[in-house]
Amino acid sequence: MTVNKGKGDVTVGVLALQGAFSEHIQLLRQAAEILADKHTTLVRRRWTFIEVRTELELSSCDALIIPGGESTAISLVAQRSNMLEPLRDFVKVSRKPTWGTCAGLILLAESANRTKKGGQELIGGLDVRVNRNHFGRQIESFQANLDLPFLSKANGNDFVGTNEPFKAIFIRAPIVERLLPNVNGEQIEQATIEETVIAPSRSMDETVRKIINIGEVEVMGILPGRAAALKHDGTKEKLDAEAGDIIAVRQANVFGTSFHPELTGDARIHVWWLEQVSEALNRRRSP
């Protein structure tokens, strides 16, 4: 579906197959109001937020959030509703801005450990290996105050609480246990590891390739005090053993968080992400 949009029009979708999609919609609306009130440097946007369940709805989106929930359930529903390939095209071919929280991070990883025989389908987009349910069962869920430096750099976040720790909620959360090299194709070496599922490769659109440099994965957040058994392939320097677990990463158009910002009532990360979406659209829509 072709949608004619003005320069300031942006449609952000939240995948609504399962999980906490309505909570994301609420915080996105709050974030858009904050940007409208506080922002002076970016083009004034007219934001539309929609729930996405079909390929037609996805095709109208400029950006997408894949929410927390059950990654296996989201994957199965997406497969049965013929949404997996459109999602892979959105993330890996068109390279539109995409954010995954918790289950969404798992789905956006290029490699993950299996949870049951046969595993599940991954979308991919982030050259990382995730360990799902790293912190145990739902009864072992917890909250933690995170220092997220990227929030203090957000242009629109000049409201009360910007520099305060972000109180993150972890529910059966994954972590990023390995940063993988940016390869042209599937993570073949990961496929040789026992009990591992990998995402299928997709070639980026050639027009988009002129705009976006995929580059390496950037660590955006660490959970301190919980030393990870971190494995690394040598593409970057090893993190200090006491640094903690990687719980937020970004690579080009794709952002992932282990925790659930949508359950906090704190819109700061949503504000920051909408800024990233706006800047990405500026690059795409420039003559």
C-alpha atoms as a PDB file:
ATOM      1  CA  MET A   1       0.000   0.000   0.000  1.00  0.00           C
ATOM      2  CA  THR A   2       1.354   3.396  -0.956  1.00  0.00           C
ATOM      3  CA  VAL A   3       0.623   6.181   1.489  1.00  0.00           C
ATOM      4  CA  ASN A   4       1.086   9.819   0.534  1.00  0.00           C
ATOM      5  CA  LYS A   5       2.414  11.698   3.526  1.00  0.00           C
ATOM      6  CA  GLY A   6       3.494  15.219   4.178  1.00  0.00           C
ATOM      7  CA  LYS A   7       7.034  15.852   5.368  1.00  0.00           C
ATOM      8  CA  GLY A   8       5.871  16.144   8.953  1.00  0.00           C
ATOM      9  CA  ASP A   9       3.579  13.098   8.994  1.00  0.00           C
ATOM     10  CA  VAL A  10       4.832   9.993  10.800  1.00  0.00           C
ATOM     11  CA  THR A  11       3.032   6.706  11.426  1.00  0.00           C
ATOM     12  CA  VAL A  12       4.471   4.532  14.184  1.00  0.00           C
ATOM     13  CA  GLY A  13       3.113   1.021  14.557  1.00  0.00           C
ATOM     14  CA  VAL A  14       3.154  -1.302  17.538  1.00  0.00           C
ATOM     15  CA  LEU A  15       2.977  -4.984  16.665  1.00  0.00           C
ATOM     16  CA  ALA A  16      -0.234  -6.145  18.326  1.00  0.00           C
ATOM     17  CA  LEU A  17      -0.145  -9.918  17.942  1.00  0.00           C
ATOM     18  CA  GLN A  18       0.472 -10.561  21.651  1.00  0.00           C
ATOM     19  CA  GLY A  19       1.991  -8.772  24.612  1.00  0.00           C
ATOM     20  CA  ALA A  20       2.065  -5.246  26.036  1.00  0.00           C
ATOM     21  CA  PHE A  21       1.222  -3.325  22.878  1.00  0.00           C
ATOM     22  CA  SER A  22      -1.454  -1.027  24.319  1.00  0.00           C
ATOM     23  CA  GLU A  23       0.963   0.200  27.006  1.00  0.00           C
ATOM     24  CA  HIS A  24       3.402   1.233  24.287  1.00  0.00           C
ATOM     25  CA  ILE A  25       0.683   3.165  22.466  1.00  0.00           C
ATOM     26  CA  GLN A  26      -0.113   5.082  25.649  1.00  0.00           C
ATOM     27  CA  LEU A  27       3.505   6.060  26.273  1.00  0.00           C
ATOM     28  CA  LEU A  28       4.038   6.977  22.624  1.00  0.00           C
ATOM     29  CA  ARG A  29       1.150   9.427  22.839  1.00  0.00           C
ATOM     30  CA  GLN A  30       2.625  10.874  26.014  1.00  0.00           C
ATOM     31  CA  ALA A  31       6.049  11.138  24.379  1.00  0.00           C
ATOM     32  CA  ALA A  32       4.605  12.937  21.345  1.00  0.00           C
ATOM     33  CA  GLU A  33       2.967  15.490  23.641  1.00  0.00           C
ATOM     34  CA  ILE A  34       6.287  16.070  25.400  1.00  0.00           C
ATOM     35  CA  LEU A  35       8.055  16.618  22.086  1.00  0.00           C
ATOM     36  CA  ALA A  36       5.353  19.000  20.912  1.00  0.00           C
ATOM     37  CA  ASP A  37       5.746  21.059  24.089  1.00  0.00           C
ATOM     38  CA  LYS A  38       9.506  20.941  24.492  1.00  0.00           C
ATOM     39  CA  HIS A  39      11.108  20.408  21.112  1.00  0.00           C
ATOM     40  CA  THR A  40      12.537  23.349  19.166  1.00  0.00           C
ATOM     41  CA  THR A  41      15.137  21.772  16.877  1.00  0.00           C
ATOM     42  CA  LEU A  42      13.357  19.066  14.876  1.00  0.00           C
ATOM     43  CA  VAL A  43      10.645  19.426  12.283  1.00  0.00           C
ATOM     44  CA  ARG A  44       7.272  19.562  14.029  1.00  0.00           C
ATOM     45  CA  ARG A  45       5.769  16.147  13.418  1.00  0.00           C
ATOM     46  CA  ARG A  46       2.181  14.971  13.178  1.00  0.00           C
ATOM     47  CA  TRP A  47       2.398  11.585  14.884  1.00  0.00           C
ATOM     48  CA  THR A  48      -0.045   8.734  14.321  1.00  0.00           C
ATOM     49  CA  PHE A  49       0.215   5.590  16.449  1.00  0.00           C
ATOM     50  CA  ILE A  50      -1.486   2.388  15.325  1.00  0.00           C
ATOM     51  CA  GLU A  51      -1.746  -1.248  16.357  1.00  0.00           C
ATOM     52  CA  VAL A  52      -0.318  -3.519  13.652  1.00  0.00           C
ATOM     53  CA  ARG A  53      -1.739  -6.971  12.939  1.00  0.00           C
ATOM     54  CA  THR A  54      -1.644  -7.191   9.146  1.00  0.00           C
ATOM     55  CA  GLU A  55       0.806  -6.628   6.327  1.00  0.00           C
ATOM     56  CA  LEU A  56      -1.375  -3.769   5.067  1.00  0.00           C
ATOM     57  CA  GLU A  57      -1.147  -1.997   8.423  1.00  0.00           C
ATOM     58  CA  LEU A  58       2.609  -2.593   8.581  1.00  0.00           C
ATOM     59  CA  SER A  59       3.091  -1.110   5.113  1.00  0.00           C
ATOM     60  CA  SER A  60       1.668   2.207   6.317  1.00  0.00           C
ATOM     61  CA  CYS A  61       4.275   2.507   9.090  1.00  0.00           C
ATOM     62  CA  ASP A  62       7.440   4.581   9.127  1.00  0.00           C
ATOM     63  CA  ALA A  63       8.652   2.899  12.327  1.00  0.00           C
ATOM     64  CA  LEU A  64       7.691  -0.062  14.485  1.00  0.00           C
ATOM     65  CA  ILE A  65       7.816  -1.290  18.079  1.00  0.00           C
ATOM     66  CA  ILE A  66       7.788  -5.013  18.853  1.00  0.00           C
ATOM     67  CA  PRO A  67       6.546  -5.235  22.450  1.00  0.00           C
ATOM     68  CA  GLY A  68       7.270  -7.437  25.411  1.00  0.00           C
ATOM     69  CA  GLY A  69       5.256 -10.621  25.819  1.00  0.00           C
ATOM     70  CA  GLU A  70       5.983 -14.210  24.840  1.00  0.00           C
ATOM     71  CA  SER A  71       8.495 -14.252  21.998  1.00  0.00           C
ATOM     72  CA  THR A  72       7.482 -17.766  20.965  1.00  0.00           C
ATOM     73  CA  ALA A  73       3.803 -16.819  20.880  1.00  0.00           C
ATOM     74  CA  ILE A  74       4.480 -13.638  18.900  1.00  0.00           C
ATOM     75  CA  SER A  75       6.597 -15.614  16.447  1.00  0.00           C
ATOM     76  CA  LEU A  76       3.964 -18.337  15.992  1.00  0.00           C
ATOM     77  CA  VAL A  77       1.121 -15.865  15.494  1.00  0.00           C
ATOM     78  CA  ALA A  78       3.239 -13.872  13.041  1.00  0.00           C
ATOM     79  CA  GLN A  79       4.021 -17.036  11.118  1.00  0.00           C
ATOM     80  CA  ARG A  80       0.384 -18.164  10.971  1.00  0.00           C
ATOM     81  CA  SER A  81      -0.803 -14.715   9.920  1.00  0.00           C
ATOM     82  CA  ASN A  82       1.864 -14.453   7.200  1.00  0.00           C
ATOM     83  CA  MET A  83       3.574 -11.547   8.953  1.00  0.00           C
ATOM     84  CA  LEU A  84       7.089 -12.919   9.420  1.00  0.00           C
ATOM     85  CA  GLU A  85       8.349 -12.095   5.943  1.00  0.00           C
ATOM     86  CA  PRO A  86       6.815  -8.587   5.893  1.00  0.00           C
ATOM     87  CA  LEU A  87       8.432  -7.956   9.287  1.00  0.00           C
ATOM     88  CA  ARG A  88      11.825  -9.126   8.017  1.00  0.00           C
ATOM     89  CA  ASP A  89      11.441  -6.896   4.976  1.00  0.00           C
ATOM     90  CA  PHE A  90      10.527  -3.941   7.192  1.00  0.00           C
ATOM     91  CA  VAL A  91      13.517  -4.405   9.509  1.00  0.00           C
ATOM     92  CA  LYS A  92      16.228  -5.835   7.270  1.00  0.00           C
ATOM     93  CA  VAL A  93      15.378  -4.851   3.706  1.00  0.00           C
ATOM     94  CA  SER A  94      13.782  -1.415   4.117  1.00  0.00           C
ATOM     95  CA  ARG A  95      15.715  -0.852   7.364  1.00  0.00           C
ATOM     96  CA  LYS A  96      12.991   1.261   8.941  1.00  0.00           C
ATOM     97  CA  PRO A  97      13.393   2.272  12.600  1.00  0.00           C
ATOM     98  CA  THR A  98      12.417  -0.629  14.853  1.00  0.00           C
ATOM     99  CA  TRP A  99      12.513  -1.046  18.629  1.00  0.00           C
ATOM    100  CA  GLY A 100      12.043  -4.334  20.461  1.00  0.00           C
ATOM    101  CA  THR A 101      11.399  -4.616  24.198  1.00  0.00           C
ATOM    102  CA  CYS A 102      12.083  -7.895  26.026  1.00  0.00           C
ATOM    103  CA  ALA A 103      10.404 -10.445  23.723  1.00  0.00           C
ATOM    104  CA  GLY A 104      10.893  -7.922  20.932  1.00  0.00           C
ATOM    105  CA  LEU A 105      14.635  -7.901  21.582  1.00  0.00           C
ATOM    106  CA  ILE A 106      14.701 -11.693  21.269  1.00  0.00           C
ATOM    107  CA  LEU A 107      12.854 -11.570  17.951  1.00  0.00           C
ATOM    108  CA  LEU A 108      15.203  -8.890  16.581  1.00  0.00           C
ATOM    109  CA  ALA A 109      18.357 -10.822  17.494  1.00  0.00           C
ATOM    110  CA  GLU A 110      20.256 -12.692  14.808  1.00  0.00           C
ATOM    111  CA  SER A 111      20.915 -15.549  17.245  1.00  0.00           C
ATOM    112  CA  ALA A 112      19.194 -16.901  20.355  1.00  0.00           C
ATOM    113  CA  ASN A 113      19.204 -19.994  22.505  1.00  0.00           C
ATOM    114  CA  ARG A 114      16.220 -22.290  21.972  1.00  0.00           C
ATOM    115  CA  THR A 115      13.547 -22.690  24.614  1.00  0.00           C
ATOM    116  CA  LYS A 116      11.943 -25.839  23.281  1.00  0.00           C
ATOM    117  CA  LYS A 117      12.413 -28.379  20.530  1.00  0.00           C
ATOM    118  CA  GLY A 118      12.289 -26.660  17.174  1.00  0.00           C
ATOM    119  CA  GLY A 119      12.910 -23.257  18.710  1.00  0.00           C
ATOM    120  CA  GLN A 120      11.141 -20.344  17.090  1.00  0.00           C
ATOM    121  CA  GLU A 121      11.471 -18.079  14.096  1.00  0.00           C
ATOM    122  CA  LEU A 122      13.511 -14.894  14.495  1.00  0.00           C
ATOM    123  CA  ILE A 123      13.167 -11.672  12.540  1.00  0.00           C
ATOM    124  CA  GLY A 124      16.757 -10.511  13.018  1.00  0.00           C
ATOM    125  CA  GLY A 125      18.326  -7.112  12.506  1.00  0.00           C
ATOM    126  CA  LEU A 126      20.653  -6.963  15.525  1.00  0.00           C
ATOM    127  CA  ASP A 127      23.972  -8.797  15.284  1.00  0.00           C
ATOM    128  CA  VAL A 128      23.750 -10.190  18.802  1.00  0.00           C
ATOM    129  CA  ARG A 129      23.150 -13.482  20.530  1.00  0.00           C
ATOM    130  CA  VAL A 130      20.553 -13.299  23.282  1.00  0.00           C
ATOM    131  CA  ASN A 131      20.029 -15.587  26.242  1.00  0.00           C
ATOM    132  CA  ARG A 132      16.304 -15.594  26.853  1.00  0.00           C
ATOM    133  CA  ASN A 133      14.848 -15.885  30.359  1.00  0.00           C
ATOM    134  CA  HIS A 134      18.302 -15.087  31.686  1.00  0.00           C
ATOM    135  CA  PHE A 135      16.956 -13.961  35.057  1.00  0.00           C
ATOM    136  CA  GLY A 136      14.702 -16.958  35.626  1.00  0.00           C
ATOM    137  CA  ARG A 137      10.979 -17.378  36.084  1.00  0.00           C
ATOM    138  CA  GLN A 138       8.344 -14.668  36.262  1.00  0.00           C
ATOM    139  CA  ILE A 139       8.301 -14.895  40.062  1.00  0.00           C
ATOM    140  CA  GLU A 140      11.919 -13.705  39.950  1.00  0.00           C
ATOM    141  CA  SER A 141      11.036 -10.492  38.123  1.00  0.00           C
ATOM    142  CA  PHE A 142      12.588  -7.336  39.556  1.00  0.00           C
ATOM    143  CA  GLN A 143      13.113  -3.608  39.128  1.00  0.00           C
ATOM    144  CA  ALA A 144      16.455  -1.860  38.812  1.00  0.00           C
ATOM    145  CA  ASN A 145      17.623   1.745  38.535  1.00  0.00           C
ATOM    146  CA  LEU A 146      19.571   2.152  35.298  1.00  0.00           C
ATOM    147  CA  ASP A 147      21.997   4.857  34.290  1.00  0.00           C
ATOM    148  CA  LEU A 148      21.260   5.340  30.567  1.00  0.00           C
ATOM    149  CA  PRO A 149      23.614   8.033  29.247  1.00  0.00           C
ATOM    150  CA  PHE A 150      21.808   8.330  25.916  1.00  0.00           C
ATOM    151  CA  LEU A 151      18.768   9.792  27.681  1.00  0.00           C
ATOM    152  CA  SER A 152      20.686  12.811  28.942  1.00  0.00           C
ATOM    153  CA  LYS A 153      21.730  13.550  25.363  1.00  0.00           C
ATOM    154  CA  ALA A 154      18.190  13.528  23.987  1.00  0.00           C
ATOM    155  CA  ASN A 155      17.312  16.972  22.639  1.00  0.00           C
ATOM    156  CA  GLY A 156      13.689  16.869  23.694  1.00  0.00           C
ATOM    157  CA  ASN A 157      14.185  15.482  27.169  1.00  0.00           C
ATOM    158  CA  ASP A 158      14.474  18.813  28.983  1.00  0.00           C
ATOM    159  CA  PHE A 159      11.773  17.948  31.484  1.00  0.00           C
ATOM    160  CA  VAL A 160      11.863  16.949  35.144  1.00  0.00           C
ATOM    161  CA  GLY A 161      13.656  13.662  35.772  1.00  0.00           C
ATOM    162  CA  THR A 162      15.850  13.599  32.654  1.00  0.00           C
ATOM    163  CA  ASN A 163      19.032  12.858  34.602  1.00  0.00           C
ATOM    164  CA  GLU A 164      17.419  10.578  37.155  1.00  0.00           C
ATOM    165  CA  PRO A 165      17.990   6.808  36.905  1.00  0.00           C
ATOM    166  CA  PHE A 166      15.469   4.954  34.789  1.00  0.00           C
ATOM    167  CA  LYS A 167      13.524   2.477  36.937  1.00  0.00           C
ATOM    168  CA  ALA A 168      13.460  -0.529  34.620  1.00  0.00           C
ATOM    169  CA  ILE A 169      11.175  -3.530  34.977  1.00  0.00           C
ATOM    170  CA  PHE A 170      12.609  -6.957  34.120  1.00  0.00           C
ATOM    171  CA  ILE A 171      10.125  -9.823  33.607  1.00  0.00           C
ATOM    172  CA  ARG A 172      11.613 -13.132  32.452  1.00  0.00           C
ATOM    173  CA  ALA A 173      14.051 -10.896  30.649  1.00  0.00           C
ATOM    174  CA  PRO A 174      16.747 -11.822  28.133  1.00  0.00           C
ATOM    175  CA  ILE A 175      20.239 -10.371  28.031  1.00  0.00           C
ATOM    176  CA  VAL A 176      22.647  -9.850  25.180  1.00  0.00           C
ATOM    177  CA  GLU A 177      25.329 -12.390  25.940  1.00  0.00           C
ATOM    178  CA  ARG A 178      27.436 -11.863  22.824  1.00  0.00           C
ATOM    179  CA  LEU A 179      28.027  -9.096  20.292  1.00  0.00           C
ATOM    180  CA  LEU A 180      28.377 -10.695  16.868  1.00  0.00           C
ATOM    181  CA  PRO A 181      30.318  -9.435  13.853  1.00  0.00           C
ATOM    182  CA  ASN A 182      28.366  -7.644  11.155  1.00  0.00           C
ATOM    183  CA  VAL A 183      28.310 -10.268   8.424  1.00  0.00           C
ATOM    184  CA  ASN A 184      26.777 -10.213   4.971  1.00  0.00           C
ATOM    185  CA  GLY A 185      24.287 -13.023   5.437  1.00  0.00           C
ATOM    186  CA  GLU A 186      23.334 -15.464   8.172  1.00  0.00           C
ATOM    187  CA  GLN A 187      25.320 -15.943  11.363  1.00  0.00           C
ATOM    188  CA  ILE A 188      26.569 -19.323  10.165  1.00  0.00           C
ATOM    189  CA  GLU A 189      28.991 -19.868  13.057  1.00  0.00           C
ATOM    190  CA  GLN A 190      26.131 -19.370  15.506  1.00  0.00           C
ATOM    191  CA  ALA A 191      24.140 -22.051  13.682  1.00  0.00           C
ATOM    192  CA  THR A 192      26.781 -24.610  14.637  1.00  0.00           C
ATOM    193  CA  ILE A 193      26.213 -24.008  18.354  1.00  0.00           C
ATOM    194  CA  GLU A 194      23.959 -26.543  20.026  1.00  0.00           C
ATOM    195  CA  GLU A 195      20.426 -25.400  20.917  1.00  0.00           C
ATOM    196  CA  THR A 196      20.673 -22.230  18.851  1.00  0.00           C
ATOM    197  CA  VAL A 197      18.276 -20.610  16.414  1.00  0.00           C
ATOM    198  CA  ILE A 198      19.380 -17.965  13.900  1.00  0.00           C
ATOM    199  CA  ALA A 199      17.526 -15.472  11.739  1.00  0.00           C
ATOM    200  CA  PRO A 200      17.492 -15.850   7.953  1.00  0.00           C
ATOM    201  CA  SER A 201      19.461 -13.265   6.009  1.00  0.00           C
ATOM    202  CA  ARG A 202      17.857 -10.592   3.858  1.00  0.00           C
ATOM    203  CA  SER A 203      19.551  -8.154   1.480  1.00  0.00           C
ATOM    204  CA  MET A 204      19.129  -4.477   2.195  1.00  0.00           C
ATOM    205  CA  ASP A 205      17.364  -2.375  -0.406  1.00  0.00           C
ATOM    206  CA  GLU A 206      20.013  -0.717  -2.581  1.00  0.00           C
ATOM    207  CA  THR A 207      18.431   2.717  -2.240  1.00  0.00           C
ATOM    208  CA  VAL A 208      18.468   2.383   1.530  1.00  0.00           C
ATOM    209  CA  ARG A 209      22.084   1.209   1.458  1.00  0.00           C
ATOM    210  CA  LYS A 210      23.094   4.687   0.284  1.00  0.00           C
ATOM    211  CA  ILE A 211      21.517   6.199   3.407  1.00  0.00           C
ATOM    212  CA  ILE A 212      22.225   3.685   6.160  1.00  0.00           C
ATOM    213  CA  ASN A 213      25.532   2.236   7.300  1.00  0.00           C
ATOM    214  CA  ILE A 214      24.779  -0.854   9.370  1.00  0.00           C
ATOM    215  CA  GLY A 215      28.050  -0.815  11.292  1.00  0.00           C
ATOM    216  CA  GLU A 216      28.624  -2.683  14.535  1.00  0.00           C
ATOM    217  CA  VAL A 217      26.335  -3.111  17.527  1.00  0.00           C
ATOM    218  CA  GLU A 218      26.497  -0.298  20.080  1.00  0.00           C
ATOM    219  CA  VAL A 219      25.983  -1.105  23.756  1.00  0.00           C
ATOM    220  CA  MET A 220      23.420   1.397  25.088  1.00  0.00           C
ATOM    221  CA  GLY A 221      22.806   0.087  28.585  1.00  0.00           C
ATOM    222  CA  ILE A 222      24.327  -2.169  31.220  1.00  0.00           C
ATOM    223  CA  LEU A 223      22.711  -3.672  34.299  1.00  0.00           C
ATOM    224  CA  PRO A 224      25.365  -3.251  37.003  1.00  0.00           C
ATOM    225  CA  GLY A 225      25.977  -5.609  39.853  1.00  0.00           C
ATOM    226  CA  ARG A 226      25.055  -8.784  38.014  1.00  0.00           C
ATOM    227  CA  ALA A 227      28.275 -10.009  36.439  1.00  0.00           C
ATOM    228  CA  ALA A 228      27.572 -11.746  33.150  1.00  0.00           C
ATOM    229  CA  ALA A 229      29.394 -14.770  31.811  1.00  0.00           C
ATOM    230  CA  LEU A 230      30.048 -12.667  28.737  1.00  0.00           C
ATOM    231  CA  LYS A 231      31.399 -14.333  25.635  1.00  0.00           C
ATOM    232  CA  HIS A 232      32.816 -12.266  22.830  1.00  0.00           C
ATOM    233  CA  ASP A 233      34.112 -12.948  19.351  1.00  0.00           C
ATOM    234  CA  GLY A 234      36.856 -10.332  19.380  1.00  0.00           C
ATOM    235  CA  THR A 235      35.198  -7.762  17.107  1.00  0.00           C
ATOM    236  CA  LYS A 236      35.285  -5.326  20.041  1.00  0.00           C
ATOM    237  CA  GLU A 237      37.278  -5.099  23.256  1.00  0.00           C
ATOM    238  CA  LYS A 238      35.945  -7.291  26.010  1.00  0.00           C
ATOM    239  CA  LEU A 239      33.825  -5.575  28.599  1.00  0.00           C
ATOM    240  CA  ASP A 240      35.151  -5.609  32.137  1.00  0.00           C
ATOM    241  CA  ALA A 241      34.003  -8.721  33.995  1.00  0.00           C
ATOM    242  CA  GLU A 242      32.298  -6.561  36.614  1.00  0.00           C
ATOM    243  CA  ALA A 243      30.513  -4.378  34.059  1.00  0.00           C
ATOM    244  CA  GLY A 244      27.317  -6.381  34.279  1.00  0.00           C
ATOM    245  CA  ASP A 245      24.783  -7.611  31.771  1.00  0.00           C
ATOM    246  CA  ILE A 246      24.078  -5.916  28.441  1.00  0.00           C
ATOM    247  CA  ILE A 247      20.418  -4.910  28.490  1.00  0.00           C
ATOM    248  CA  ALA A 248      20.169  -2.296  25.702  1.00  0.00           C
ATOM    249  CA  VAL A 249      21.769  -2.248  22.248  1.00  0.00           C
ATOM    250  CA  ARG A 250      21.470  -0.399  18.965  1.00  0.00           C
ATOM    251  CA  GLN A 251      22.623  -1.150  15.443  1.00  0.00           C
ATOM    252  CA  ALA A 252      21.710   1.270  12.654  1.00  0.00           C
ATOM    253  CA  ASN A 253      17.888   1.336  12.523  1.00  0.00           C
ATOM    254  CA  VAL A 254      17.305  -1.299  15.218  1.00  0.00           C
ATOM    255  CA  PHE A 255      17.139  -0.689  18.980  1.00  0.00           C
ATOM    256  CA  GLY A 256      16.552  -3.335  21.636  1.00  0.00           C
ATOM    257  CA  THR A 257      15.969  -3.343  25.391  1.00  0.00           C
ATOM    258  CA  SER A 258      15.759  -6.334  27.736  1.00  0.00           C
ATOM    259  CA  PHE A 259      13.382  -4.538  30.054  1.00  0.00           C
ATOM    260  CA  HIS A 260       9.853  -3.095  29.739  1.00  0.00           C
ATOM    261  CA  PRO A 261       9.829   0.732  29.492  1.00  0.00           C
ATOM    262  CA  GLU A 262       6.162   0.504  28.507  1.00  0.00           C
ATOM    263  CA  LEU A 263       5.224  -0.733  31.988  1.00  0.00           C
ATOM    264  CA  THR A 264       6.872   2.103  33.909  1.00  0.00           C
ATOM    265  CA  GLY A 265       4.811   5.161  33.034  1.00  0.00           C
ATOM    266  CA  ASP A 266       8.156   6.877  32.303  1.00  0.00           C
ATOM    267  CA  ALA A 267       8.132   8.158  28.710  1.00  0.00           C
ATOM    268  CA  ARG A 268      11.773   9.233  28.510  1.00  0.00           C
ATOM    269  CA  ILE A 269      12.968   6.345  26.325  1.00  0.00           C
ATOM    270  CA  HIS A 270       9.932   6.723  24.082  1.00  0.00           C
ATOM    271  CA  VAL A 271      10.740  10.432  23.706  1.00  0.00           C
ATOM    272  CA  TRP A 272      14.343   9.606  22.812  1.00  0.00           C
ATOM    273  CA  TRP A 273      13.271   6.920  20.327  1.00  0.00           C
ATOM    274  CA  LEU A 274      10.787   9.206  18.570  1.00  0.00           C
ATOM    275  CA  GLU A 275      13.643  11.675  18.146  1.00  0.00           C
ATOM    276  CA  GLN A 276      15.680   8.918  16.490  1.00  0.00           C
ATOM    277  CA  VAL A 277      12.732   8.094  14.228  1.00  0.00           C
ATOM    278  CA  SER A 278      12.348  11.744  13.263  1.00  0.00           C
ATOM    279  CA  GLU A 279      16.032  12.093  12.422  1.00  0.00           C
ATOM    280  CA  ALA A 280      15.948   8.870  10.374  1.00  0.00           C
ATOM    281  CA  LEU A 281      12.988  10.182   8.393  1.00  0.00           C
ATOM    282  CA  ASN A 282      14.812  13.449   7.758  1.00  0.00           C
ATOM    283  CA  ARG A 283      17.604  11.467   6.131  1.00  0.00           C
ATOM    284  CA  ARG A 284      15.217   9.348   4.079  1.00  0.00           C
ATOM    285  CA  ARG A 285      13.012  12.220   2.940  1.00  0.00           C
ATOM    286  CA  SER A 286      15.781  14.655   2.097  1.00  0.00           C
ATOM    287  CA  PRO A 287      15.962  15.433  -1.634  1.00  0.00           C
END
